Amino acid sequence: MLGKERRLAINNENTNWGQSVAGVVIRDNQVLLVRHTYGNGKGMLIIPGGYVNYGETPQQALKRKYMEETNVEITASYYRHSLQYA
């Protein structure tokens, strides 16, 4: 997502600002990273992730974020941990 579409997604009323996800995809001994496109981290390589929407599991959110950020459909084969902050 770029520009206006990205701002709309960030300002979504459905976003649970207290819960976010990030995940590492490893395939053939390589890690899938993305290049940050805004803010202080612009241009840096990062692990895809973002906020969870209300009614969405962390696994669903991570799958959605990977599709949005990399256009790659992922399947979680190993789920490590989830934290929620108030």
C-alpha atoms as a PDB file:
ATOM      1  CA  MET A   1       0.000   0.000   0.000  1.00  0.00           C
ATOM      2  CA  LEU A   2       1.233   3.451  -0.780  1.00  0.00           C
ATOM      3  CA  GLY A   3       0.150   7.001  -0.116  1.00  0.00           C
ATOM      4  CA  LYS A   4      -3.510   7.563   0.682  1.00  0.00           C
ATOM      5  CA  GLU A   5      -4.312   3.820   0.820  1.00  0.00           C
ATOM      6  CA  ARG A   6      -1.661   3.336   3.504  1.00  0.00           C
ATOM      7  CA  ARG A   7      -2.961   6.261   5.594  1.00  0.00           C
ATOM      8  CA  LEU A   8      -6.471   4.836   5.431  1.00  0.00           C
ATOM      9  CA  ALA A   9      -5.258   1.448   6.645  1.00  0.00           C
ATOM     10  CA  ILE A  10      -3.308   3.013   9.514  1.00  0.00           C
ATOM     11  CA  ASN A  11      -6.274   5.135  10.635  1.00  0.00           C
ATOM     12  CA  ASN A  12      -8.704   2.232  10.456  1.00  0.00           C
ATOM     13  CA  GLU A  13     -11.139   2.220  13.408  1.00  0.00           C
ATOM     14  CA  ASN A  14     -10.863  -1.576  13.390  1.00  0.00           C
ATOM     15  CA  THR A  15      -7.181  -1.476  14.400  1.00  0.00           C
ATOM     16  CA  ASN A  16      -6.248  -2.818  17.828  1.00  0.00           C
ATOM     17  CA  TRP A  17      -3.443  -0.388  18.671  1.00  0.00           C
ATOM     18  CA  GLY A  18      -2.507  -2.516  21.710  1.00  0.00           C
ATOM     19  CA  GLN A  19      -1.583  -5.651  19.756  1.00  0.00           C
ATOM     20  CA  SER A  20       0.895  -6.056  16.942  1.00  0.00           C
ATOM     21  CA  VAL A  21       2.585  -8.918  15.152  1.00  0.00           C
ATOM     22  CA  ALA A  22       5.845  -9.622  13.392  1.00  0.00           C
ATOM     23  CA  GLY A  23       7.074 -12.835  11.907  1.00  0.00           C
ATOM     24  CA  VAL A  24      10.131 -14.319  10.314  1.00  0.00           C
ATOM     25  CA  VAL A  25       9.768 -16.318   7.111  1.00  0.00           C
ATOM     26  CA  ILE A  26      12.668 -18.634   6.408  1.00  0.00           C
ATOM     27  CA  ARG A  27      12.895 -20.561   3.164  1.00  0.00           C
ATOM     28  CA  ASP A  28      15.960 -22.265   1.716  1.00  0.00           C
ATOM     29  CA  ASN A  29      18.030 -20.783   4.596  1.00  0.00           C
ATOM     30  CA  GLN A  30      17.041 -17.238   3.584  1.00  0.00           C
ATOM     31  CA  VAL A  31      14.970 -14.723   5.569  1.00  0.00           C
ATOM     32  CA  LEU A  32      12.284 -12.642   3.844  1.00  0.00           C
ATOM     33  CA  LEU A  33      12.704  -8.958   4.718  1.00  0.00           C
ATOM     34  CA  VAL A  34      11.146  -5.743   3.412  1.00  0.00           C
ATOM     35  CA  ARG A  35      12.557  -2.250   3.062  1.00  0.00           C
ATOM     36  CA  HIS A  36      10.916   0.312   5.357  1.00  0.00           C
ATOM     37  CA  THR A  37       9.293   3.023   3.221  1.00  0.00           C
ATOM     38  CA  TYR A  38       8.664   5.867   5.686  1.00  0.00           C
ATOM     39  CA  GLY A  39       9.759   7.530   8.920  1.00  0.00           C
ATOM     40  CA  ASN A  40      13.123   7.300  10.652  1.00  0.00           C
ATOM     41  CA  GLY A  41      13.629   3.745   9.412  1.00  0.00           C
ATOM     42  CA  LYS A  42      13.088   4.599   5.754  1.00  0.00           C
ATOM     43  CA  GLY A  43      15.318   2.436   3.572  1.00  0.00           C
ATOM     44  CA  MET A  44      16.207  -0.031   6.341  1.00  0.00           C
ATOM     45  CA  LEU A  45      15.468  -3.747   6.097  1.00  0.00           C
ATOM     46  CA  ILE A  46      12.804  -4.940   8.542  1.00  0.00           C
ATOM     47  CA  ILE A  47      10.748  -8.003   9.393  1.00  0.00           C
ATOM     48  CA  PRO A  48       7.169  -7.582   8.067  1.00  0.00           C
ATOM     49  CA  GLY A  49       4.472  -6.999  10.656  1.00  0.00           C
ATOM     50  CA  GLY A  50       1.961  -4.541  12.023  1.00  0.00           C
ATOM     51  CA  TYR A  51      -1.160  -4.108  14.105  1.00  0.00           C
ATOM     52  CA  VAL A  52      -3.852  -6.728  14.609  1.00  0.00           C
ATOM     53  CA  ASN A  53      -7.417  -5.803  13.678  1.00  0.00           C
ATOM     54  CA  TYR A  54     -10.228  -6.445  16.156  1.00  0.00           C
ATOM     55  CA  GLY A  55     -11.737  -9.884  15.508  1.00  0.00           C
ATOM     56  CA  GLU A  56      -8.527 -11.110  13.875  1.00  0.00           C
ATOM     57  CA  THR A  57      -6.132 -13.660  15.367  1.00  0.00           C
ATOM     58  CA  PRO A  58      -2.415 -12.820  15.449  1.00  0.00           C
ATOM     59  CA  GLN A  59      -1.835 -15.530  12.845  1.00  0.00           C
ATOM     60  CA  GLN A  60      -4.465 -13.992  10.528  1.00  0.00           C
ATOM     61  CA  ALA A  61      -2.953 -10.542  11.039  1.00  0.00           C
ATOM     62  CA  LEU A  62       0.517 -11.776  10.195  1.00  0.00           C
ATOM     63  CA  LYS A  63      -0.729 -13.500   7.064  1.00  0.00           C
ATOM     64  CA  ARG A  64      -2.510 -10.246   6.045  1.00  0.00           C
ATOM     65  CA  LYS A  65       0.545  -8.091   6.773  1.00  0.00           C
ATOM     66  CA  TYR A  66       2.840 -10.330   4.733  1.00  0.00           C
ATOM     67  CA  MET A  67       0.438 -10.160   1.789  1.00  0.00           C
ATOM     68  CA  GLU A  68       0.189  -6.351   2.083  1.00  0.00           C
ATOM     69  CA  GLU A  69       3.916  -5.794   2.428  1.00  0.00           C
ATOM     70  CA  THR A  70       5.437  -8.502   0.220  1.00  0.00           C
ATOM     71  CA  ASN A  71       2.607  -9.862  -1.936  1.00  0.00           C
ATOM     72  CA  VAL A  72       3.605 -13.313  -0.620  1.00  0.00           C
ATOM     73  CA  GLU A  73       1.035 -15.654   0.888  1.00  0.00           C
ATOM     74  CA  ILE A  74       2.418 -17.336   3.977  1.00  0.00           C
ATOM     75  CA  THR A  75       1.366 -20.284   6.106  1.00  0.00           C
ATOM     76  CA  ALA A  76       2.488 -20.333   9.719  1.00  0.00           C
ATOM     77  CA  SER A  77       4.194 -23.622  10.434  1.00  0.00           C
ATOM     78  CA  TYR A  78       5.416 -22.593  13.871  1.00  0.00           C
ATOM     79  CA  TYR A  79       3.825 -20.057  16.207  1.00  0.00           C
ATOM     80  CA  ARG A  80       6.101 -18.850  18.981  1.00  0.00           C
ATOM     81  CA  HIS A  81       4.458 -16.295  21.245  1.00  0.00           C
ATOM     82  CA  SER A  82       1.931 -13.505  21.549  1.00  0.00           C
ATOM     83  CA  LEU A  83       1.928 -10.498  23.879  1.00  0.00           C
ATOM     84  CA  GLN A  84      -0.818  -7.917  24.290  1.00  0.00           C
ATOM     85  CA  TYR A  85      -0.225  -4.504  25.814  1.00  0.00           C
ATOM     86  CA  ALA A  86      -2.972  -2.312  27.260  1.00  0.00           C
END
